[in-house]
Amino acid sequence: MPHLQPHRQNRVGWLRAAVLGANDGIVSTSSLISRAARQQTPHLAILGAISTYLSGAKMVIGIARVSFWGALAMSVTALVGFAFDAAMS
């Protein structure tokens, strides 16, 4: 006697491809953002050191503030660019 119950196992390939494809996009985008932030953080620290030296403020606080907010701004900008399919180089 043949088995006549319908199964959905044959139709889930598109879902697996969509989930794994989205995962690849998220991983590649996050690695690009982290790489850009890592490369620019020393420059931000130098900029923070120069600005705190010229203003007479405490050096450590200025470097930390400029580095943190600069890296955060770069990350948000990269995410907005990714959301609108803007090219990053």
PDB file of N, CA and C in Angstrom:
ATOM      1  N   MET A   1       0.838  -1.167   0.000  1.00  0.00           N
ATOM      2  CA  MET A   1       0.000   0.000   0.000  1.00  0.00           C
ATOM      3  C   MET A   1       0.895   1.246   0.000  1.00  0.00           C
ATOM      4  N   PRO A   2       0.713   2.168  -0.925  1.00  0.00           N
ATOM      5  CA  PRO A   2       1.555   3.365  -1.016  1.00  0.00           C
ATOM      6  C   PRO A   2       1.233   4.368   0.093  1.00  0.00           C
ATOM      7  N   HIS A   3       2.218   5.139   0.425  1.00  0.00           N
ATOM      8  CA  HIS A   3       2.109   6.169   1.457  1.00  0.00           C
ATOM      9  C   HIS A   3       1.582   7.447   0.798  1.00  0.00           C
ATOM     10  N   LEU A   4       0.385   7.914   1.153  1.00  0.00           N
ATOM     11  CA  LEU A   4      -0.252   9.023   0.465  1.00  0.00           C
ATOM     12  C   LEU A   4      -0.288  10.321   1.266  1.00  0.00           C
ATOM     13  N   GLN A   5       0.339  10.386   2.403  1.00  0.00           N
ATOM     14  CA  GLN A   5       0.311  11.618   3.181  1.00  0.00           C
ATOM     15  C   GLN A   5       1.279  12.646   2.578  1.00  0.00           C
ATOM     16  N   PRO A   6       0.805  13.889   2.426  1.00  0.00           N
ATOM     17  CA  PRO A   6       1.700  14.918   1.859  1.00  0.00           C
ATOM     18  C   PRO A   6       2.696  15.403   2.915  1.00  0.00           C
ATOM     19  N   HIS A   7       3.925  15.585   2.492  1.00  0.00           N
ATOM     20  CA  HIS A   7       4.969  16.095   3.377  1.00  0.00           C
ATOM     21  C   HIS A   7       5.536  17.380   2.785  1.00  0.00           C
ATOM     22  N   ARG A   8       6.007  18.233   3.667  1.00  0.00           N
ATOM     23  CA  ARG A   8       6.568  19.510   3.217  1.00  0.00           C
ATOM     24  C   ARG A   8       8.088  19.482   3.167  1.00  0.00           C
ATOM     25  N   GLN A   9       8.654  18.354   3.368  1.00  0.00           N
ATOM     26  CA  GLN A   9      10.105  18.236   3.407  1.00  0.00           C
ATOM     27  C   GLN A   9      10.728  18.645   2.075  1.00  0.00           C
ATOM     28  N   ASN A  10      10.058  18.409   0.992  1.00  0.00           N
ATOM     29  CA  ASN A  10      10.617  18.704  -0.317  1.00  0.00           C
ATOM     30  C   ASN A  10      10.541  20.193  -0.649  1.00  0.00           C
ATOM     31  N   ARG A  11       9.793  20.984   0.138  1.00  0.00           N
ATOM     32  CA  ARG A  11       9.600  22.393  -0.190  1.00  0.00           C
ATOM     33  C   ARG A  11      10.326  23.341   0.759  1.00  0.00           C
ATOM     34  N   VAL A  12      11.177  22.897   1.618  1.00  0.00           N
ATOM     35  CA  VAL A  12      11.828  23.775   2.581  1.00  0.00           C
ATOM     36  C   VAL A  12      13.215  24.216   2.135  1.00  0.00           C
ATOM     37  N   GLY A  13      13.635  23.846   0.961  1.00  0.00           N
ATOM     38  CA  GLY A  13      14.967  24.238   0.482  1.00  0.00           C
ATOM     39  C   GLY A  13      15.137  25.743   0.372  1.00  0.00           C
ATOM     40  N   TRP A  14      14.109  26.447  -0.048  1.00  0.00           N
ATOM     41  CA  TRP A  14      14.197  27.906  -0.193  1.00  0.00           C
ATOM     42  C   TRP A  14      14.384  28.582   1.160  1.00  0.00           C
ATOM     43  N   LEU A  15      13.748  28.029   2.211  1.00  0.00           N
ATOM     44  CA  LEU A  15      13.871  28.614   3.544  1.00  0.00           C
ATOM     45  C   LEU A  15      15.293  28.457   4.071  1.00  0.00           C
ATOM     46  N   ARG A  16      15.859  27.292   3.886  1.00  0.00           N
ATOM     47  CA  ARG A  16      17.229  27.050   4.325  1.00  0.00           C
ATOM     48  C   ARG A  16      18.195  27.967   3.586  1.00  0.00           C
ATOM     49  N   ALA A  17      18.002  28.122   2.284  1.00  0.00           N
ATOM     50  CA  ALA A  17      18.865  29.005   1.501  1.00  0.00           C
ATOM     51  C   ALA A  17      18.725  30.460   1.944  1.00  0.00           C
ATOM     52  N   ALA A  18      17.504  30.882   2.256  1.00  0.00           N
ATOM     53  CA  ALA A  18      17.293  32.267   2.695  1.00  0.00           C
ATOM     54  C   ALA A  18      17.944  32.528   4.042  1.00  0.00           C
ATOM     55  N   VAL A  19      17.807  31.595   4.966  1.00  0.00           N
ATOM     56  CA  VAL A  19      18.390  31.785   6.301  1.00  0.00           C
ATOM     57  C   VAL A  19      19.911  31.781   6.216  1.00  0.00           C
ATOM     58  N   LEU A  20      20.483  30.839   5.514  1.00  0.00           N
ATOM     59  CA  LEU A  20      21.941  30.776   5.419  1.00  0.00           C
ATOM     60  C   LEU A  20      22.501  31.944   4.618  1.00  0.00           C
ATOM     61  N   GLY A  21      21.788  32.395   3.603  1.00  0.00           N
ATOM     62  CA  GLY A  21      22.232  33.563   2.834  1.00  0.00           C
ATOM     63  C   GLY A  21      22.199  34.825   3.661  1.00  0.00           C
ATOM     64  N   ALA A  22      21.165  35.000   4.455  1.00  0.00           N
ATOM     65  CA  ALA A  22      21.086  36.173   5.328  1.00  0.00           C
ATOM     66  C   ALA A  22      22.192  36.127   6.376  1.00  0.00           C
ATOM     67  N   ASN A  23      22.477  34.949   6.888  1.00  0.00           N
ATOM     68  CA  ASN A  23      23.542  34.799   7.868  1.00  0.00           C
ATOM     69  C   ASN A  23      24.887  35.181   7.260  1.00  0.00           C
ATOM     70  N   ASP A  24      25.153  34.778   6.030  1.00  0.00           N
ATOM     71  CA  ASP A  24      26.402  35.142   5.360  1.00  0.00           C
ATOM     72  C   ASP A  24      26.509  36.653   5.196  1.00  0.00           C
ATOM     73  N   GLY A  25      25.398  37.302   4.848  1.00  0.00           N
ATOM     74  CA  GLY A  25      25.410  38.750   4.677  1.00  0.00           C
ATOM     75  C   GLY A  25      25.665  39.478   5.981  1.00  0.00           C
ATOM     76  N   ILE A  26      25.071  38.999   7.054  1.00  0.00           N
ATOM     77  CA  ILE A  26      25.258  39.637   8.357  1.00  0.00           C
ATOM     78  C   ILE A  26      26.694  39.459   8.835  1.00  0.00           C
ATOM     79  N   VAL A  27      27.233  38.266   8.661  1.00  0.00           N
ATOM     80  CA  VAL A  27      28.599  37.998   9.117  1.00  0.00           C
ATOM     81  C   VAL A  27      29.602  38.827   8.321  1.00  0.00           C
ATOM     82  N   SER A  28      29.431  38.898   6.998  1.00  0.00           N
ATOM     83  CA  SER A  28      30.390  39.662   6.197  1.00  0.00           C
ATOM     84  C   SER A  28      30.289  41.148   6.490  1.00  0.00           C
ATOM     85  N   THR A  29      29.081  41.656   6.726  1.00  0.00           N
ATOM     86  CA  THR A  29      28.922  43.071   7.036  1.00  0.00           C
ATOM     87  C   THR A  29      29.514  43.406   8.392  1.00  0.00           C
ATOM     88  N   SER A  30      29.274  42.558   9.378  1.00  0.00           N
ATOM     89  CA  SER A  30      29.818  42.841  10.713  1.00  0.00           C
ATOM     90  C   SER A  30      31.342  42.755  10.705  1.00  0.00           C
ATOM     91  N   SER A  31      31.913  41.851   9.926  1.00  0.00           N
ATOM     92  CA  SER A  31      33.377  41.780   9.872  1.00  0.00           C
ATOM     93  C   SER A  31      33.951  43.003   9.170  1.00  0.00           C
ATOM     94  N   LEU A  32      33.254  43.527   8.168  1.00  0.00           N
ATOM     95  CA  LEU A  32      33.704  44.737   7.490  1.00  0.00           C
ATOM     96  C   LEU A  32      33.660  45.938   8.424  1.00  0.00           C
ATOM     97  N   ILE A  33      32.593  46.042   9.201  1.00  0.00           N
ATOM     98  CA  ILE A  33      32.457  47.148  10.148  1.00  0.00           C
ATOM     99  C   ILE A  33      33.526  47.066  11.230  1.00  0.00           C
ATOM    100  N   SER A  34      33.759  45.872  11.765  1.00  0.00           N
ATOM    101  CA  SER A  34      34.756  45.740  12.829  1.00  0.00           C
ATOM    102  C   SER A  34      36.162  45.999  12.294  1.00  0.00           C
ATOM    103  N   ARG A  35      36.431  45.595  11.059  1.00  0.00           N
ATOM    104  CA  ARG A  35      37.744  45.849  10.469  1.00  0.00           C
ATOM    105  C   ARG A  35      37.971  47.344  10.270  1.00  0.00           C
ATOM    106  N   ALA A  36      36.953  48.053   9.790  1.00  0.00           N
ATOM    107  CA  ALA A  36      37.084  49.499   9.591  1.00  0.00           C
ATOM    108  C   ALA A  36      37.272  50.215  10.923  1.00  0.00           C
ATOM    109  N   ALA A  37      36.545  49.788  11.946  1.00  0.00           N
ATOM    110  CA  ALA A  37      36.678  50.420  13.260  1.00  0.00           C
ATOM    111  C   ALA A  37      38.055  50.138  13.858  1.00  0.00           C
ATOM    112  N   ARG A  38      38.577  48.932  13.674  1.00  0.00           N
ATOM    113  CA  ARG A  38      39.910  48.598  14.196  1.00  0.00           C
ATOM    114  C   ARG A  38      40.995  49.427  13.515  1.00  0.00           C
ATOM    115  N   GLN A  39      40.860  49.653  12.226  1.00  0.00           N
ATOM    116  CA  GLN A  39      41.891  50.392  11.505  1.00  0.00           C
ATOM    117  C   GLN A  39      41.873  51.876  11.848  1.00  0.00           C
ATOM    118  N   GLN A  40      40.719  52.419  12.158  1.00  0.00           N
ATOM    119  CA  GLN A  40      40.619  53.854  12.406  1.00  0.00           C
ATOM    120  C   GLN A  40      40.763  54.238  13.870  1.00  0.00           C
ATOM    121  N   THR A  41      40.684  53.294  14.781  1.00  0.00           N
ATOM    122  CA  THR A  41      40.757  53.618  16.211  1.00  0.00           C
ATOM    123  C   THR A  41      42.079  54.279  16.604  1.00  0.00           C
ATOM    124  N   PRO A  42      43.238  53.826  16.125  1.00  0.00           N
ATOM    125  CA  PRO A  42      44.471  54.544  16.487  1.00  0.00           C
ATOM    126  C   PRO A  42      44.474  55.998  16.002  1.00  0.00           C
ATOM    127  N   HIS A  43      43.916  56.237  14.831  1.00  0.00           N
ATOM    128  CA  HIS A  43      43.844  57.609  14.330  1.00  0.00           C
ATOM    129  C   HIS A  43      42.936  58.463  15.214  1.00  0.00           C
ATOM    130  N   LEU A  44      41.846  57.862  15.661  1.00  0.00           N
ATOM    131  CA  LEU A  44      40.954  58.592  16.558  1.00  0.00           C
ATOM    132  C   LEU A  44      41.630  58.888  17.890  1.00  0.00           C
ATOM    133  N   ALA A  45      42.428  57.947  18.385  1.00  0.00           N
ATOM    134  CA  ALA A  45      43.136  58.160  19.648  1.00  0.00           C
ATOM    135  C   ALA A  45      44.147  59.296  19.514  1.00  0.00           C
ATOM    136  N   ILE A  46      44.840  59.352  18.397  1.00  0.00           N
ATOM    137  CA  ILE A  46      45.795  60.445  18.170  1.00  0.00           C
ATOM    138  C   ILE A  46      45.064  61.780  18.081  1.00  0.00           C
ATOM    139  N   LEU A  47      43.941  61.793  17.368  1.00  0.00           N
ATOM    140  CA  LEU A  47      43.140  63.014  17.278  1.00  0.00           C
ATOM    141  C   LEU A  47      42.643  63.448  18.654  1.00  0.00           C
ATOM    142  N   GLY A  48      42.214  62.492  19.477  1.00  0.00           N
ATOM    143  CA  GLY A  48      41.775  62.806  20.839  1.00  0.00           C
ATOM    144  C   GLY A  48      42.910  63.341  21.689  1.00  0.00           C
ATOM    145  N   ALA A  49      44.114  62.780  21.525  1.00  0.00           N
ATOM    146  CA  ALA A  49      45.270  63.247  22.292  1.00  0.00           C
ATOM    147  C   ALA A  49      45.640  64.677  21.905  1.00  0.00           C
ATOM    148  N   ILE A  50      45.634  64.969  20.629  1.00  0.00           N
ATOM    149  CA  ILE A  50      45.963  66.324  20.172  1.00  0.00           C
ATOM    150  C   ILE A  50      44.932  67.327  20.671  1.00  0.00           C
ATOM    151  N   SER A  51      43.650  66.961  20.550  1.00  0.00           N
ATOM    152  CA  SER A  51      42.611  67.914  20.960  1.00  0.00           C
ATOM    153  C   SER A  51      42.613  68.142  22.475  1.00  0.00           C
ATOM    154  N   THR A  52      42.875  67.102  23.269  1.00  0.00           N
ATOM    155  CA  THR A  52      42.918  67.312  24.719  1.00  0.00           C
ATOM    156  C   THR A  52      44.173  68.058  25.132  1.00  0.00           C
ATOM    157  N   TYR A  53      45.262  67.862  24.438  1.00  0.00           N
ATOM    158  CA  TYR A  53      46.482  68.605  24.741  1.00  0.00           C
ATOM    159  C   TYR A  53      46.278  70.097  24.469  1.00  0.00           C
ATOM    160  N   LEU A  54      45.661  70.402  23.337  1.00  0.00           N
ATOM    161  CA  LEU A  54      45.440  71.801  22.978  1.00  0.00           C
ATOM    162  C   LEU A  54      44.407  72.478  23.879  1.00  0.00           C
ATOM    163  N   SER A  55      43.453  71.706  24.382  1.00  0.00           N
ATOM    164  CA  SER A  55      42.416  72.305  25.227  1.00  0.00           C
ATOM    165  C   SER A  55      42.793  72.316  26.706  1.00  0.00           C
ATOM    166  N   GLY A  56      43.803  71.571  27.089  1.00  0.00           N
ATOM    167  CA  GLY A  56      44.228  71.525  28.480  1.00  0.00           C
ATOM    168  C   GLY A  56      43.416  70.571  29.339  1.00  0.00           C
ATOM    169  N   ALA A  57      42.659  69.684  28.730  1.00  0.00           N
ATOM    170  CA  ALA A  57      41.850  68.727  29.491  1.00  0.00           C
ATOM    171  C   ALA A  57      42.692  67.501  29.839  1.00  0.00           C
ATOM    172  N   LYS A  58      42.090  66.574  30.587  1.00  0.00           N
ATOM    173  CA  LYS A  58      42.793  65.343  30.950  1.00  0.00           C
ATOM    174  C   LYS A  58      42.936  64.464  29.709  1.00  0.00           C
ATOM    175  N   MET A  59      44.137  63.965  29.498  1.00  0.00           N
ATOM    176  CA  MET A  59      44.473  63.239  28.274  1.00  0.00           C
ATOM    177  C   MET A  59      43.671  61.937  28.126  1.00  0.00           C
ATOM    178  N   VAL A  60      43.577  61.149  29.175  1.00  0.00           N
ATOM    179  CA  VAL A  60      42.928  59.842  29.091  1.00  0.00           C
ATOM    180  C   VAL A  60      41.441  59.985  28.774  1.00  0.00           C
ATOM    181  N   ILE A  61      40.796  60.936  29.400  1.00  0.00           N
ATOM    182  CA  ILE A  61      39.361  61.130  29.164  1.00  0.00           C
ATOM    183  C   ILE A  61      39.111  61.577  27.730  1.00  0.00           C
ATOM    184  N   GLY A  62      39.945  62.476  27.223  1.00  0.00           N
ATOM    185  CA  GLY A  62      39.776  62.950  25.846  1.00  0.00           C
ATOM    186  C   GLY A  62      39.993  61.853  24.825  1.00  0.00           C
ATOM    187  N   ILE A  63      41.031  61.053  25.029  1.00  0.00           N
ATOM    188  CA  ILE A  63      41.307  59.956  24.094  1.00  0.00           C
ATOM    189  C   ILE A  63      40.171  58.946  24.112  1.00  0.00           C
ATOM    190  N   ALA A  64      39.710  58.579  25.303  1.00  0.00           N
ATOM    191  CA  ALA A  64      38.624  57.598  25.403  1.00  0.00           C
ATOM    192  C   ALA A  64      37.340  58.125  24.777  1.00  0.00           C
ATOM    193  N   ARG A  65      37.036  59.392  25.021  1.00  0.00           N
ATOM    194  CA  ARG A  65      35.801  59.964  24.497  1.00  0.00           C
ATOM    195  C   ARG A  65      35.820  60.038  22.970  1.00  0.00           C
ATOM    196  N   VAL A  66      36.891  60.545  22.415  1.00  0.00           N
ATOM    197  CA  VAL A  66      36.975  60.676  20.955  1.00  0.00           C
ATOM    198  C   VAL A  66      37.014  59.300  20.292  1.00  0.00           C
ATOM    199  N   SER A  67      37.756  58.358  20.865  1.00  0.00           N
ATOM    200  CA  SER A  67      37.844  57.014  20.266  1.00  0.00           C
ATOM    201  C   SER A  67      36.500  56.299  20.315  1.00  0.00           C
ATOM    202  N   PHE A  68      35.826  56.349  21.464  1.00  0.00           N
ATOM    203  CA  PHE A  68      34.553  55.638  21.596  1.00  0.00           C
ATOM    204  C   PHE A  68      33.495  56.222  20.668  1.00  0.00           C
ATOM    205  N   TRP A  69      33.278  57.532  20.751  1.00  0.00           N
ATOM    206  CA  TRP A  69      32.211  58.127  19.942  1.00  0.00           C
ATOM    207  C   TRP A  69      32.545  58.109  18.459  1.00  0.00           C
ATOM    208  N   GLY A  70      33.811  58.193  18.110  1.00  0.00           N
ATOM    209  CA  GLY A  70      34.195  58.094  16.701  1.00  0.00           C
ATOM    210  C   GLY A  70      33.937  56.706  16.145  1.00  0.00           C
ATOM    211  N   ALA A  71      34.307  55.670  16.911  1.00  0.00           N
ATOM    212  CA  ALA A  71      34.056  54.295  16.468  1.00  0.00           C
ATOM    213  C   ALA A  71      32.559  54.012  16.381  1.00  0.00           C
ATOM    214  N   LEU A  72      31.805  54.536  17.334  1.00  0.00           N
ATOM    215  CA  LEU A  72      30.355  54.357  17.296  1.00  0.00           C
ATOM    216  C   LEU A  72      29.749  55.046  16.077  1.00  0.00           C
ATOM    217  N   ALA A  73      30.204  56.245  15.781  1.00  0.00           N
ATOM    218  CA  ALA A  73      29.698  56.966  14.612  1.00  0.00           C
ATOM    219  C   ALA A  73      30.036  56.234  13.315  1.00  0.00           C
ATOM    220  N   MET A  74      31.247  55.669  13.221  1.00  0.00           N
ATOM    221  CA  MET A  74      31.613  54.908  12.021  1.00  0.00           C
ATOM    222  C   MET A  74      30.750  53.664  11.876  1.00  0.00           C
ATOM    223  N   SER A  75      30.472  52.996  12.978  1.00  0.00           N
ATOM    224  CA  SER A  75      29.643  51.788  12.927  1.00  0.00           C
ATOM    225  C   SER A  75      28.221  52.109  12.499  1.00  0.00           C
ATOM    226  N   VAL A  76      27.650  53.169  13.054  1.00  0.00           N
ATOM    227  CA  VAL A  76      26.285  53.558  12.676  1.00  0.00           C
ATOM    228  C   VAL A  76      26.240  53.971  11.210  1.00  0.00           C
ATOM    229  N   THR A  77      27.239  54.702  10.760  1.00  0.00           N
ATOM    230  CA  THR A  77      27.287  55.111   9.355  1.00  0.00           C
ATOM    231  C   THR A  77      27.385  53.906   8.433  1.00  0.00           C
ATOM    232  N   ALA A  78      28.190  52.929   8.812  1.00  0.00           N
ATOM    233  CA  ALA A  78      28.315  51.721   7.994  1.00  0.00           C
ATOM    234  C   ALA A  78      27.007  50.938   7.966  1.00  0.00           C
ATOM    235  N   LEU A  79      26.311  50.852   9.092  1.00  0.00           N
ATOM    236  CA  LEU A  79      25.035  50.144   9.126  1.00  0.00           C
ATOM    237  C   LEU A  79      23.980  50.850   8.280  1.00  0.00           C
ATOM    238  N   VAL A  80      23.949  52.178   8.320  1.00  0.00           N
ATOM    239  CA  VAL A  80      23.002  52.928   7.489  1.00  0.00           C
ATOM    240  C   VAL A  80      23.337  52.734   6.018  1.00  0.00           C
ATOM    241  N   GLY A  81      24.617  52.767   5.697  1.00  0.00           N
ATOM    242  CA  GLY A  81      25.025  52.518   4.309  1.00  0.00           C
ATOM    243  C   GLY A  81      24.650  51.132   3.846  1.00  0.00           C
ATOM    244  N   PHE A  82      24.790  50.144   4.720  1.00  0.00           N
ATOM    245  CA  PHE A  82      24.394  48.777   4.367  1.00  0.00           C
ATOM    246  C   PHE A  82      22.887  48.680   4.186  1.00  0.00           C
ATOM    247  N   ALA A  83      22.142  49.382   5.035  1.00  0.00           N
ATOM    248  CA  ALA A  83      20.677  49.316   4.948  1.00  0.00           C
ATOM    249  C   ALA A  83      20.170  49.900   3.636  1.00  0.00           C
ATOM    250  N   PHE A  84      20.853  50.901   3.102  1.00  0.00           N
ATOM    251  CA  PHE A  84      20.425  51.534   1.854  1.00  0.00           C
ATOM    252  C   PHE A  84      21.264  51.082   0.658  1.00  0.00           C
ATOM    253  N   ASP A  85      21.997  49.996   0.817  1.00  0.00           N
ATOM    254  CA  ASP A  85      22.830  49.412  -0.240  1.00  0.00           C
ATOM    255  C   ASP A  85      23.839  50.390  -0.805  1.00  0.00           C
ATOM    256  N   ALA A  86      24.423  51.189   0.049  1.00  0.00           N
ATOM    257  CA  ALA A  86      25.479  52.107  -0.386  1.00  0.00           C
ATOM    258  C   ALA A  86      26.805  51.365  -0.349  1.00  0.00           C
ATOM    259  N   ALA A  87      27.667  51.649  -1.283  1.00  0.00           N
ATOM    260  CA  ALA A  87      28.956  50.956  -1.362  1.00  0.00           C
ATOM    261  C   ALA A  87      29.930  51.560  -0.376  1.00  0.00           C
ATOM    262  N   MET A  88      30.676  50.697   0.311  1.00  0.00           N
ATOM    263  CA  MET A  88      31.729  51.142   1.222  1.00  0.00           C
ATOM    264  C   MET A  88      33.072  50.713   0.642  1.00  0.00           C
ATOM    265  N   SER A  89      34.038  51.591   0.740  1.00  0.00           N
ATOM    266  CA  SER A  89      35.366  51.205   0.264  1.00  0.00           C
ATOM    267  C   SER A  89      36.402  51.492   1.305  1.00  0.00           C
TER     268      SER A  89
END
